[in-house]
């Protein structure tokens, strides 16, 4: 956690999450991070959704060595990476007090490009985050594929986390109104795997749940 107040939750500071275990659990449960940066070539902001994986005290992000965002990140630009899980729509008696239940993390800093001898471990972490067991099951990545892939690490040293849960916060004077209030839970569910047409006849492997 940063000691700089600028990186702490300002509005509803009581919702700031300080428990690192809870933050790690959120990062481990999600697959997409939104990477925000200022493109140094045109001085304009971009936010790009990218796959990621947490590895101990860092997150790993990968992409093509020829992509604009990876080349920009490699220059050492400042990043703001966000990861969010939406858990429910919160319906109050007024539109103003309606909200969302969520968990979110913001990660700040400059990413470091991994050297060639560091990439295999990182690729294994990213692969098995997306599909556990695929690194061991699938075809080995070629040197050409590895060379075409850039991997960067971003430390979890400077982070800010926030969460909301529970019922709507209606104004006291609204509580007697004969209007419904509550929450609408939301879930992302993994369903049964569907075999590709060009893999017909091959049994779904045990590591694919």
C-alpha atoms as a PDB file:
ATOM      1  CA  UNK A   1       0.000   0.000   0.000  1.00  0.00           C
ATOM      2  CA  UNK A   2       1.234   3.480  -0.824  1.00  0.00           C
ATOM      3  CA  UNK A   3       1.648   6.021   1.985  1.00  0.00           C
ATOM      4  CA  UNK A   4       0.749   8.779  -0.468  1.00  0.00           C
ATOM      5  CA  UNK A   5      -2.779   9.983   0.326  1.00  0.00           C
ATOM      6  CA  UNK A   6      -3.292  10.705  -3.365  1.00  0.00           C
ATOM      7  CA  UNK A   7      -3.455   6.973  -4.030  1.00  0.00           C
ATOM      8  CA  UNK A   8      -5.932   6.198  -1.251  1.00  0.00           C
ATOM      9  CA  UNK A   9      -9.722   6.143  -1.502  1.00  0.00           C
ATOM     10  CA  UNK A  10     -11.047   9.682  -1.178  1.00  0.00           C
ATOM     11  CA  UNK A  11     -14.843   9.303  -1.382  1.00  0.00           C
ATOM     12  CA  UNK A  12     -16.348   6.739   1.009  1.00  0.00           C
ATOM     13  CA  UNK A  13     -12.927   6.115   2.514  1.00  0.00           C
ATOM     14  CA  UNK A  14     -14.586   3.618   4.878  1.00  0.00           C
ATOM     15  CA  UNK A  15     -14.877   1.279   1.891  1.00  0.00           C
ATOM     16  CA  UNK A  16     -11.126   1.116   1.343  1.00  0.00           C
ATOM     17  CA  UNK A  17      -9.783  -2.441   1.560  1.00  0.00           C
ATOM     18  CA  UNK A  18      -6.514  -2.902   3.419  1.00  0.00           C
ATOM     19  CA  UNK A  19      -6.424  -6.688   3.766  1.00  0.00           C
ATOM     20  CA  UNK A  20      -3.824  -7.940   1.279  1.00  0.00           C
ATOM     21  CA  UNK A  21      -5.315 -11.444   1.321  1.00  0.00           C
ATOM     22  CA  UNK A  22      -8.649 -10.077   0.100  1.00  0.00           C
ATOM     23  CA  UNK A  23      -6.888  -8.084  -2.608  1.00  0.00           C
ATOM     24  CA  UNK A  24      -4.951 -11.148  -3.770  1.00  0.00           C
ATOM     25  CA  UNK A  25      -8.138 -13.224  -3.855  1.00  0.00           C
ATOM     26  CA  UNK A  26      -9.804 -10.659  -6.103  1.00  0.00           C
ATOM     27  CA  UNK A  27      -6.828 -10.528  -8.478  1.00  0.00           C
ATOM     28  CA  UNK A  28      -6.644 -14.324  -8.605  1.00  0.00           C
ATOM     29  CA  UNK A  29     -10.342 -14.650  -9.424  1.00  0.00           C
ATOM     30  CA  UNK A  30     -10.339 -12.266 -12.394  1.00  0.00           C
ATOM     31  CA  UNK A  31      -9.007 -12.665 -15.927  1.00  0.00           C
ATOM     32  CA  UNK A  32      -9.111  -9.152 -17.402  1.00  0.00           C
ATOM     33  CA  UNK A  33      -7.339  -5.997 -16.282  1.00  0.00           C
ATOM     34  CA  UNK A  34      -7.919  -2.574 -17.824  1.00  0.00           C
ATOM     35  CA  UNK A  35      -4.555  -0.946 -18.481  1.00  0.00           C
ATOM     36  CA  UNK A  36      -4.677   2.852 -18.564  1.00  0.00           C
ATOM     37  CA  UNK A  37      -1.839   5.018 -19.872  1.00  0.00           C
ATOM     38  CA  UNK A  38      -1.019   8.175 -21.785  1.00  0.00           C
ATOM     39  CA  UNK A  39       0.325   7.321 -25.230  1.00  0.00           C
ATOM     40  CA  UNK A  40       3.601   9.290 -25.369  1.00  0.00           C
ATOM     41  CA  UNK A  41       3.461   9.599 -29.155  1.00  0.00           C
ATOM     42  CA  UNK A  42       0.171  11.510 -29.305  1.00  0.00           C
ATOM     43  CA  UNK A  43      -0.274  12.526 -25.654  1.00  0.00           C
ATOM     44  CA  UNK A  44      -3.735  10.960 -25.484  1.00  0.00           C
ATOM     45  CA  UNK A  45      -5.209   8.578 -22.895  1.00  0.00           C
ATOM     46  CA  UNK A  46      -5.993   4.943 -23.668  1.00  0.00           C
ATOM     47  CA  UNK A  47      -7.484   2.134 -21.585  1.00  0.00           C
ATOM     48  CA  UNK A  48      -6.949  -1.356 -22.967  1.00  0.00           C
ATOM     49  CA  UNK A  49      -8.489  -4.586 -21.565  1.00  0.00           C
ATOM     50  CA  UNK A  50      -5.773  -7.234 -21.267  1.00  0.00           C
ATOM     51  CA  UNK A  51      -5.332 -10.678 -19.785  1.00  0.00           C
ATOM     52  CA  UNK A  52      -3.171 -10.854 -16.682  1.00  0.00           C
ATOM     53  CA  UNK A  53      -2.003 -13.094 -13.870  1.00  0.00           C
ATOM     54  CA  UNK A  54      -0.852 -12.381 -10.333  1.00  0.00           C
ATOM     55  CA  UNK A  55       2.449 -13.957  -9.341  1.00  0.00           C
ATOM     56  CA  UNK A  56       3.292 -13.305  -5.698  1.00  0.00           C
ATOM     57  CA  UNK A  57       3.832  -9.528  -5.339  1.00  0.00           C
ATOM     58  CA  UNK A  58       3.436  -8.642  -9.007  1.00  0.00           C
ATOM     59  CA  UNK A  59       1.035  -8.912 -11.893  1.00  0.00           C
ATOM     60  CA  UNK A  60       2.137 -10.152 -15.308  1.00  0.00           C
ATOM     61  CA  UNK A  61       0.825  -8.694 -18.556  1.00  0.00           C
ATOM     62  CA  UNK A  62       1.719 -10.002 -21.996  1.00  0.00           C
ATOM     63  CA  UNK A  63       1.225  -8.975 -25.593  1.00  0.00           C
ATOM     64  CA  UNK A  64       2.828  -8.810 -28.999  1.00  0.00           C
ATOM     65  CA  UNK A  65       6.221  -7.138 -29.212  1.00  0.00           C
ATOM     66  CA  UNK A  66       4.766  -5.176 -32.132  1.00  0.00           C
ATOM     67  CA  UNK A  67       1.675  -3.848 -30.374  1.00  0.00           C
ATOM     68  CA  UNK A  68       1.415  -0.136 -29.632  1.00  0.00           C
ATOM     69  CA  UNK A  69       0.551  -0.607 -25.984  1.00  0.00           C
ATOM     70  CA  UNK A  70       3.425  -3.013 -25.258  1.00  0.00           C
ATOM     71  CA  UNK A  71       5.932  -0.778 -27.009  1.00  0.00           C
ATOM     72  CA  UNK A  72       4.642   2.194 -25.013  1.00  0.00           C
ATOM     73  CA  UNK A  73       4.817   0.264 -21.733  1.00  0.00           C
ATOM     74  CA  UNK A  74       8.377  -0.778 -22.558  1.00  0.00           C
ATOM     75  CA  UNK A  75       9.354   2.918 -22.615  1.00  0.00           C
ATOM     76  CA  UNK A  76       8.633   3.114 -18.892  1.00  0.00           C
ATOM     77  CA  UNK A  77       5.417   5.106 -18.953  1.00  0.00           C
ATOM     78  CA  UNK A  78       3.215   5.415 -15.883  1.00  0.00           C
ATOM     79  CA  UNK A  79       0.347   2.923 -15.721  1.00  0.00           C
ATOM     80  CA  UNK A  80      -2.910   2.696 -13.840  1.00  0.00           C
ATOM     81  CA  UNK A  81      -4.248  -0.858 -14.007  1.00  0.00           C
ATOM     82  CA  UNK A  82      -7.725  -1.653 -12.701  1.00  0.00           C
ATOM     83  CA  UNK A  83      -9.394  -4.960 -11.889  1.00  0.00           C
ATOM     84  CA  UNK A  84     -13.081  -5.076 -10.916  1.00  0.00           C
ATOM     85  CA  UNK A  85     -15.637  -7.677  -9.925  1.00  0.00           C
ATOM     86  CA  UNK A  86     -19.272  -6.572 -10.031  1.00  0.00           C
ATOM     87  CA  UNK A  87     -21.333  -8.546  -7.511  1.00  0.00           C
ATOM     88  CA  UNK A  88     -24.762  -6.909  -7.535  1.00  0.00           C
ATOM     89  CA  UNK A  89     -26.908  -3.997  -8.644  1.00  0.00           C
ATOM     90  CA  UNK A  90     -28.143  -2.170  -5.560  1.00  0.00           C
ATOM     91  CA  UNK A  91     -31.684  -0.822  -5.979  1.00  0.00           C
ATOM     92  CA  UNK A  92     -32.637   1.959  -3.598  1.00  0.00           C
ATOM     93  CA  UNK A  93     -35.948   3.798  -3.354  1.00  0.00           C
ATOM     94  CA  UNK A  94     -34.444   6.553  -5.486  1.00  0.00           C
ATOM     95  CA  UNK A  95     -32.173   6.553  -8.508  1.00  0.00           C
ATOM     96  CA  UNK A  96     -29.771   8.831  -6.646  1.00  0.00           C
ATOM     97  CA  UNK A  97     -29.116   6.302  -3.870  1.00  0.00           C
ATOM     98  CA  UNK A  98     -28.996   3.220  -6.098  1.00  0.00           C
ATOM     99  CA  UNK A  99     -25.540   1.758  -6.453  1.00  0.00           C
ATOM    100  CA  UNK A 100     -23.488  -1.390  -7.072  1.00  0.00           C
ATOM    101  CA  UNK A 101     -21.826  -3.966  -4.866  1.00  0.00           C
ATOM    102  CA  UNK A 102     -18.316  -4.543  -6.131  1.00  0.00           C
ATOM    103  CA  UNK A 103     -14.659  -5.222  -5.362  1.00  0.00           C
ATOM    104  CA  UNK A 104     -11.957  -3.277  -7.167  1.00  0.00           C
ATOM    105  CA  UNK A 105      -8.216  -2.751  -7.187  1.00  0.00           C
ATOM    106  CA  UNK A 106      -6.148  -0.017  -8.799  1.00  0.00           C
ATOM    107  CA  UNK A 107      -2.438  -0.676  -9.380  1.00  0.00           C
ATOM    108  CA  UNK A 108      -0.032   2.181 -10.099  1.00  0.00           C
ATOM    109  CA  UNK A 109       3.535   2.257 -11.360  1.00  0.00           C
ATOM    110  CA  UNK A 110       5.934   1.613 -14.202  1.00  0.00           C
ATOM    111  CA  UNK A 111       6.189  -1.911 -15.585  1.00  0.00           C
ATOM    112  CA  UNK A 112       9.466  -3.750 -16.171  1.00  0.00           C
ATOM    113  CA  UNK A 113      10.027  -5.779 -19.323  1.00  0.00           C
ATOM    114  CA  UNK A 114      11.097  -9.315 -18.449  1.00  0.00           C
ATOM    115  CA  UNK A 115      14.340 -10.631 -19.862  1.00  0.00           C
ATOM    116  CA  UNK A 116      14.351 -13.704 -22.090  1.00  0.00           C
ATOM    117  CA  UNK A 117      15.497 -16.013 -19.289  1.00  0.00           C
ATOM    118  CA  UNK A 118      12.617 -14.806 -17.090  1.00  0.00           C
ATOM    119  CA  UNK A 119       9.867 -15.319 -19.622  1.00  0.00           C
ATOM    120  CA  UNK A 120       9.254 -19.068 -19.357  1.00  0.00           C
ATOM    121  CA  UNK A 121       8.165 -18.921 -15.724  1.00  0.00           C
ATOM    122  CA  UNK A 122       5.971 -15.903 -16.473  1.00  0.00           C
ATOM    123  CA  UNK A 123       4.390 -17.584 -19.496  1.00  0.00           C
ATOM    124  CA  UNK A 124       3.610 -20.631 -17.381  1.00  0.00           C
ATOM    125  CA  UNK A 125       1.932 -18.447 -14.738  1.00  0.00           C
ATOM    126  CA  UNK A 126      -0.168 -16.605 -17.314  1.00  0.00           C
ATOM    127  CA  UNK A 127      -1.130 -19.771 -19.215  1.00  0.00           C
ATOM    128  CA  UNK A 128      -2.166 -21.736 -16.156  1.00  0.00           C
ATOM    129  CA  UNK A 129      -4.099 -18.762 -14.794  1.00  0.00           C
ATOM    130  CA  UNK A 130      -6.285 -18.765 -17.907  1.00  0.00           C
ATOM    131  CA  UNK A 131      -6.482 -22.549 -18.314  1.00  0.00           C
ATOM    132  CA  UNK A 132      -5.056 -24.488 -15.358  1.00  0.00           C
ATOM    133  CA  UNK A 133      -2.974 -27.407 -16.632  1.00  0.00           C
ATOM    134  CA  UNK A 134      -2.629 -26.149 -20.216  1.00  0.00           C
ATOM    135  CA  UNK A 135       1.092 -25.386 -19.866  1.00  0.00           C
ATOM    136  CA  UNK A 136       1.785 -29.044 -19.122  1.00  0.00           C
ATOM    137  CA  UNK A 137      -0.827 -30.444 -21.538  1.00  0.00           C
ATOM    138  CA  UNK A 138      -0.455 -28.269 -24.622  1.00  0.00           C
ATOM    139  CA  UNK A 139       2.200 -28.008 -27.294  1.00  0.00           C
ATOM    140  CA  UNK A 140       5.425 -26.423 -26.093  1.00  0.00           C
ATOM    141  CA  UNK A 141       5.798 -22.798 -27.109  1.00  0.00           C
ATOM    142  CA  UNK A 142       8.381 -22.301 -29.850  1.00  0.00           C
ATOM    143  CA  UNK A 143      11.320 -19.898 -29.608  1.00  0.00           C
ATOM    144  CA  UNK A 144       9.747 -17.824 -32.374  1.00  0.00           C
ATOM    145  CA  UNK A 145       6.477 -17.507 -30.425  1.00  0.00           C
ATOM    146  CA  UNK A 146       8.349 -16.575 -27.263  1.00  0.00           C
ATOM    147  CA  UNK A 147      10.405 -13.970 -29.118  1.00  0.00           C
ATOM    148  CA  UNK A 148       7.219 -12.416 -30.494  1.00  0.00           C
ATOM    149  CA  UNK A 149       5.750 -12.099 -26.990  1.00  0.00           C
ATOM    150  CA  UNK A 150       6.602  -9.316 -24.578  1.00  0.00           C
ATOM    151  CA  UNK A 151       5.900  -9.844 -20.888  1.00  0.00           C
ATOM    152  CA  UNK A 152       6.016  -7.095 -18.303  1.00  0.00           C
ATOM    153  CA  UNK A 153       5.679  -7.167 -14.546  1.00  0.00           C
ATOM    154  CA  UNK A 154       4.041  -4.502 -12.449  1.00  0.00           C
ATOM    155  CA  UNK A 155       4.713  -4.481  -8.725  1.00  0.00           C
ATOM    156  CA  UNK A 156       1.800  -4.562  -6.294  1.00  0.00           C
ATOM    157  CA  UNK A 157       3.637  -2.097  -4.088  1.00  0.00           C
ATOM    158  CA  UNK A 158       1.419   0.877  -4.934  1.00  0.00           C
ATOM    159  CA  UNK A 159      -2.233  -0.179  -4.915  1.00  0.00           C
ATOM    160  CA  UNK A 160      -5.627   1.110  -3.842  1.00  0.00           C
ATOM    161  CA  UNK A 161      -8.577  -1.193  -3.215  1.00  0.00           C
ATOM    162  CA  UNK A 162     -12.237  -0.486  -2.567  1.00  0.00           C
ATOM    163  CA  UNK A 163     -15.375  -2.557  -2.043  1.00  0.00           C
ATOM    164  CA  UNK A 164     -19.069  -2.118  -1.363  1.00  0.00           C
ATOM    165  CA  UNK A 165     -21.474  -4.741  -0.037  1.00  0.00           C
ATOM    166  CA  UNK A 166     -24.858  -4.959   1.597  1.00  0.00           C
ATOM    167  CA  UNK A 167     -28.211  -3.238   1.265  1.00  0.00           C
ATOM    168  CA  UNK A 168     -29.011   0.126  -0.328  1.00  0.00           C
ATOM    169  CA  UNK A 169     -28.411   3.259   1.714  1.00  0.00           C
ATOM    170  CA  UNK A 170     -31.731   5.041   1.481  1.00  0.00           C
ATOM    171  CA  UNK A 171     -32.319   8.479   2.939  1.00  0.00           C
ATOM    172  CA  UNK A 172     -34.098   8.339   6.279  1.00  0.00           C
ATOM    173  CA  UNK A 173     -37.125  10.185   4.897  1.00  0.00           C
ATOM    174  CA  UNK A 174     -37.472   7.625   2.073  1.00  0.00           C
ATOM    175  CA  UNK A 175     -37.762   4.576   4.310  1.00  0.00           C
ATOM    176  CA  UNK A 176     -41.522   4.969   4.789  1.00  0.00           C
ATOM    177  CA  UNK A 177     -42.221   5.125   1.056  1.00  0.00           C
ATOM    178  CA  UNK A 178     -44.087   2.030  -0.239  1.00  0.00           C
ATOM    179  CA  UNK A 179     -41.289   1.312  -2.735  1.00  0.00           C
ATOM    180  CA  UNK A 180     -39.240  -1.859  -3.109  1.00  0.00           C
ATOM    181  CA  UNK A 181     -35.519  -1.763  -2.375  1.00  0.00           C
ATOM    182  CA  UNK A 182     -32.939  -4.540  -2.464  1.00  0.00           C
ATOM    183  CA  UNK A 183     -30.107  -6.070  -4.433  1.00  0.00           C
ATOM    184  CA  UNK A 184     -29.933  -7.927  -7.752  1.00  0.00           C
ATOM    185  CA  UNK A 185     -27.028 -10.407  -7.480  1.00  0.00           C
ATOM    186  CA  UNK A 186     -24.781 -10.914 -10.503  1.00  0.00           C
ATOM    187  CA  UNK A 187     -22.515 -13.898 -11.183  1.00  0.00           C
ATOM    188  CA  UNK A 188     -20.084 -15.033 -13.855  1.00  0.00           C
ATOM    189  CA  UNK A 189     -20.495 -18.787 -14.297  1.00  0.00           C
ATOM    190  CA  UNK A 190     -18.142 -21.186 -16.053  1.00  0.00           C
ATOM    191  CA  UNK A 191     -20.153 -23.646 -18.127  1.00  0.00           C
ATOM    192  CA  UNK A 192     -19.256 -27.022 -19.627  1.00  0.00           C
ATOM    193  CA  UNK A 193     -16.518 -27.025 -22.245  1.00  0.00           C
ATOM    194  CA  UNK A 194     -17.524 -27.258 -25.931  1.00  0.00           C
ATOM    195  CA  UNK A 195     -15.183 -29.234 -28.168  1.00  0.00           C
ATOM    196  CA  UNK A 196     -13.950 -27.445 -31.299  1.00  0.00           C
ATOM    197  CA  UNK A 197     -15.146 -28.925 -34.601  1.00  0.00           C
ATOM    198  CA  UNK A 198     -11.567 -29.708 -35.635  1.00  0.00           C
ATOM    199  CA  UNK A 199     -11.015 -31.571 -32.337  1.00  0.00           C
ATOM    200  CA  UNK A 200     -14.048 -33.846 -32.689  1.00  0.00           C
ATOM    201  CA  UNK A 201     -13.452 -37.282 -31.238  1.00  0.00           C
ATOM    202  CA  UNK A 202     -10.810 -36.131 -28.743  1.00  0.00           C
ATOM    203  CA  UNK A 203     -11.952 -36.448 -25.161  1.00  0.00           C
ATOM    204  CA  UNK A 204     -12.025 -33.338 -22.975  1.00  0.00           C
ATOM    205  CA  UNK A 205      -8.877 -33.653 -20.796  1.00  0.00           C
ATOM    206  CA  UNK A 206      -9.143 -33.841 -17.008  1.00  0.00           C
ATOM    207  CA  UNK A 207      -7.646 -30.382 -16.471  1.00  0.00           C
ATOM    208  CA  UNK A 208     -10.579 -28.822 -18.363  1.00  0.00           C
ATOM    209  CA  UNK A 209     -13.330 -28.649 -15.781  1.00  0.00           C
END
